[in-house]
Protein backbone atom coordinates (compact mmCIF):
# COMPACT_ATOMS: atom_id res chain seq x y z
CA MET A 1 137.67 129.97 103.30
CA ILE A 2 137.63 132.51 106.72
CA SER A 3 140.56 135.00 104.38
CA LEU A 4 138.39 134.70 101.86
CA LEU A 5 136.17 136.77 102.89
CA LEU A 6 138.41 138.66 105.32
CA MET A 7 139.21 139.77 102.00
CA GLY A 8 136.29 141.38 100.76
CA THR A 9 136.06 143.08 103.88
CA ALA A 10 138.80 145.57 103.15
CA LEU A 11 137.60 147.11 99.98
CA ALA A 12 135.33 149.40 102.16
CA ASP A 13 134.89 151.70 99.17
CA THR A 14 134.49 149.33 96.18
CA GLN A 15 131.21 148.28 95.10
CA PRO A 16 130.83 144.49 95.90
CA THR A 17 131.00 141.72 92.84
CA GLY A 18 130.54 137.93 92.95
CA LEU A 19 128.16 135.74 95.63
CA ASP A 20 128.36 139.54 97.69
CA ALA A 21 126.03 141.58 94.58
CA LEU A 22 123.00 139.29 95.69
CA SER A 23 122.70 141.41 98.39
CA PRO A 24 119.60 143.86 96.65
CA PHE A 25 121.07 147.65 97.21
CA GLU A 26 119.20 149.39 99.10
CA PHE A 27 117.06 148.50 102.46
CA ARG A 28 114.25 146.74 102.50
CA PRO A 29 112.22 147.01 105.79
CA ARG A 30 109.54 143.63 105.41
CA PRO A 31 112.73 140.88 105.95
CA ALA A 32 114.62 143.04 107.83
CA VAL A 33 111.39 142.73 110.26
CA VAL A 34 111.24 138.95 109.66
CA SER A 35 114.72 138.63 110.20
CA ASP A 36 114.42 140.42 113.72
CA VAL A 37 111.50 138.47 115.19
CA MET A 38 113.04 135.05 113.88
CA VAL A 39 116.31 136.10 116.36
CA GLY A 40 113.91 137.29 119.19
CA LEU A 41 112.08 134.36 119.32
CA GLY A 42 115.00 131.64 118.71
CA GLY A 43 116.89 133.67 121.38
CA ALA A 44 114.55 133.44 123.85
CA SER A 45 113.21 130.54 123.22
CA SER A 46 116.53 128.89 123.73
CA LEU A 47 117.52 130.64 126.73
CA GLY A 48 113.84 129.65 127.84
CA LEU A 49 114.87 125.54 126.73
CA GLY A 50 118.11 126.12 129.13
CA ALA A 51 116.75 127.74 132.45
CA ALA A 52 114.30 124.98 132.13
CA LEU A 53 115.99 122.21 132.01
CA THR A 54 118.84 123.53 133.73
CA VAL A 55 115.29 123.57 137.12
CA GLN A 56 115.12 119.79 136.02
CA ASP A 57 118.24 118.84 135.87
CA ARG A 58 119.49 120.80 138.64
CA ASP A 59 122.98 121.59 137.27
CA TRP A 60 123.39 125.04 136.78
CA ARG A 61 126.27 124.80 133.70
CA THR A 62 122.99 123.78 130.94
CA GLY A 63 121.87 127.11 131.67
CA ALA A 64 124.73 128.07 131.87
CA GLY A 65 125.92 127.12 128.37
CA THR A 66 123.30 128.31 126.67
CA VAL A 67 124.24 132.16 127.95
CA ALA A 68 127.76 131.93 128.08
CA ALA A 69 127.19 131.24 124.09
CA MET A 70 125.40 134.17 122.99
CA ALA A 71 127.71 136.67 125.35
CA VAL A 72 130.04 135.01 123.88
CA THR A 73 128.98 135.27 120.22
CA ALA A 74 127.30 139.22 120.90
CA SER A 75 131.07 139.72 121.98
CA ILE A 76 133.57 138.46 119.19
CA THR A 77 130.03 139.39 116.61
CA GLU A 78 130.63 143.19 117.77
CA ILE A 79 134.18 143.58 118.73
CA THR A 80 134.49 142.06 114.92
CA LYS A 81 132.70 144.79 113.29
CA GLN A 82 133.85 147.69 114.84
CA LEU A 83 137.70 146.24 113.49
CA VAL A 84 136.26 145.88 109.86
CA GLN A 85 133.72 148.34 109.31
CA ARG A 86 132.34 147.42 106.06
CA ARG A 87 129.27 149.12 104.22
CA ARG A 88 126.58 147.64 104.33
CA PRO A 89 124.93 146.77 101.20
CA TYR A 90 121.97 149.51 101.46
CA THR A 91 124.64 152.52 101.35
CA TRP A 92 125.60 151.83 97.48
CA ASP A 93 121.75 152.93 96.96
CA THR A 94 121.54 154.91 93.97
CA ASN A 95 119.75 157.89 94.99
CA ARG A 96 121.77 157.68 98.91
CA THR A 97 124.17 161.58 97.99
CA SER A 98 126.76 159.44 99.84
CA PHE A 99 127.05 156.14 98.31
CA GLN A 100 130.39 156.72 96.14
CA ALA A 101 131.97 158.77 98.52
CA ASP A 102 135.25 157.63 98.66
CA GLY A 103 135.47 156.76 102.83
CA TYR A 104 132.37 156.30 103.81
CA CYS A 105 132.77 154.84 107.07
CA SER A 106 136.27 157.02 108.03
CA SER A 107 133.68 159.55 108.39
CA PRO A 108 130.77 159.72 110.40
CA PRO A 109 128.25 157.69 108.95
CA ALA A 110 124.53 157.26 110.62
CA VAL A 111 124.32 154.71 112.99
CA GLY A 112 124.88 151.10 112.26
CA ASP A 113 125.99 151.50 108.34
CA CYS A 114 129.88 150.46 108.84
CA LYS A 115 128.53 147.50 110.73
CA SER A 116 128.39 145.15 108.78
CA PHE A 117 130.51 142.67 108.36
CA PHE A 118 130.41 140.10 109.62
CA SER A 119 125.83 139.54 110.12
CA GLY A 120 125.00 139.98 114.24
CA HIS A 121 121.50 138.84 113.51
CA THR A 122 123.50 135.09 112.00
CA SER A 123 125.11 134.73 114.72
CA MET A 124 122.62 135.09 117.19
CA ALA A 125 120.82 132.88 115.00
CA ALA A 126 122.93 130.05 115.14
CA ALA A 127 124.94 130.67 118.86
CA SER A 128 121.02 130.74 119.90
CA ALA A 129 120.00 127.49 118.28
CA PHE A 130 123.27 124.98 118.24
CA SER A 131 123.53 125.87 121.63
CA ALA A 132 119.92 125.00 122.54
CA VAL A 133 121.01 121.27 120.84
CA GLU A 134 123.94 121.43 123.32
CA ALA A 135 121.86 122.67 126.14
CA LEU A 136 119.01 119.05 124.81
CA ARG A 137 122.20 117.04 123.84
CA SER A 138 124.13 117.09 127.02
CA SER A 139 120.97 116.83 129.66
CA GLY A 140 119.74 113.47 127.86
CA GLN A 141 116.79 114.82 126.69
CA LEU A 142 117.94 114.83 122.69
CA GLN A 143 119.85 110.82 122.78
CA SER A 144 118.61 108.89 118.96
CA HIS A 145 117.95 112.18 116.95
CA VAL A 146 120.65 114.30 117.08
CA GLY A 147 121.96 115.50 113.63
CA PHE A 148 118.31 116.02 113.02
CA ALA A 149 118.10 118.55 116.03
CA TYR A 150 122.26 119.85 113.89
CA GLY A 151 120.31 120.34 110.94
CA ALA A 152 116.52 122.46 112.52
CA ALA A 153 119.24 124.34 113.71
CA ALA A 154 121.81 124.80 110.62
CA LEU A 155 118.19 125.48 108.39
CA TYR A 156 117.02 127.98 111.41
CA SER A 157 120.32 129.89 110.68
CA VAL A 158 120.21 129.46 107.57
CA GLY A 159 116.19 131.28 107.00
CA VAL A 160 117.82 134.56 108.82
CA SER A 161 120.48 134.53 107.08
CA SER A 162 118.73 134.75 104.00
CA PHE A 163 115.89 137.60 105.40
CA ARG A 164 118.79 139.65 106.35
CA VAL A 165 120.12 139.59 102.86
CA ALA A 166 117.16 140.66 101.29
CA ALA A 167 117.21 142.85 103.40
CA GLY A 168 120.03 144.44 102.40
CA LYS A 169 121.41 144.48 105.22
CA HIS A 170 124.09 142.22 104.69
CA TYR A 171 126.02 140.48 101.74
CA VAL A 172 126.23 136.10 101.18
CA SER A 173 130.21 136.32 102.80
CA ASP A 174 128.65 138.28 105.94
CA VAL A 175 125.82 135.93 106.48
CA ALA A 176 127.64 133.17 106.16
CA THR A 177 130.89 134.51 108.85
CA GLY A 178 127.90 134.87 110.93
CA ALA A 179 126.79 131.77 110.27
CA LEU A 180 130.27 129.70 110.88
CA VAL A 181 130.94 131.96 114.52
CA GLY A 182 127.67 131.65 115.74
CA ALA A 183 127.76 127.51 115.54
CA ALA A 184 131.58 127.04 116.60
CA VAL A 185 130.36 129.43 119.98
CA GLY A 186 126.66 127.89 119.81
CA ILE A 187 128.84 124.49 119.67
CA LEU A 188 132.34 125.22 122.14
CA VAL A 189 131.00 127.29 125.01
CA PRO A 190 128.26 124.59 126.27
CA ARG A 191 130.88 122.01 126.13
CA LEU A 192 133.32 123.92 127.63
CA VAL A 193 131.40 125.62 130.42
CA SER A 194 129.50 121.51 131.10
CA GLY A 195 132.92 120.35 131.28
CA LEU A 196 133.43 122.66 134.57
CA ASN A 197 133.18 121.25 137.61
């Protein structure tokens, strides 16, 4: 699945079709602001939870797992954005004079115009939510409702994803990949950190 998503990113100078055409080819500020607020609150909540559980359990690994998951996710996301250089959906707005420009991302575009793949908001939302579930699980606070907690983390990630697509900032493949990366890192990194002595 990831390879199929990556194949679509190679078409930087071709207006996307299929599922990726669901994104509006224009910028919509309200959904963008909502996604900014959701990610900010989610990240702050996860870090706060990790800190509180660290103090409660007197175990540095709980909070460190959350911080590490978010740092690793941010790094992977930014490196990928720099390597792929995929045009954002709003750059295809016919009201923009450069929307049909060949090699759009090879000339100096506006800051962030070619950082669509993959969604940082979505990857960070998933990493913060899933690492919070891992923090609760590892501290013993979440014994019988683990499935529900993972479901809530997934719903939060889908909510952020939906607003990023609605804002014209990302394609469906951008947010799907961001959710997968963020969730995987949000689960695996805290487990690796909790295994440290």
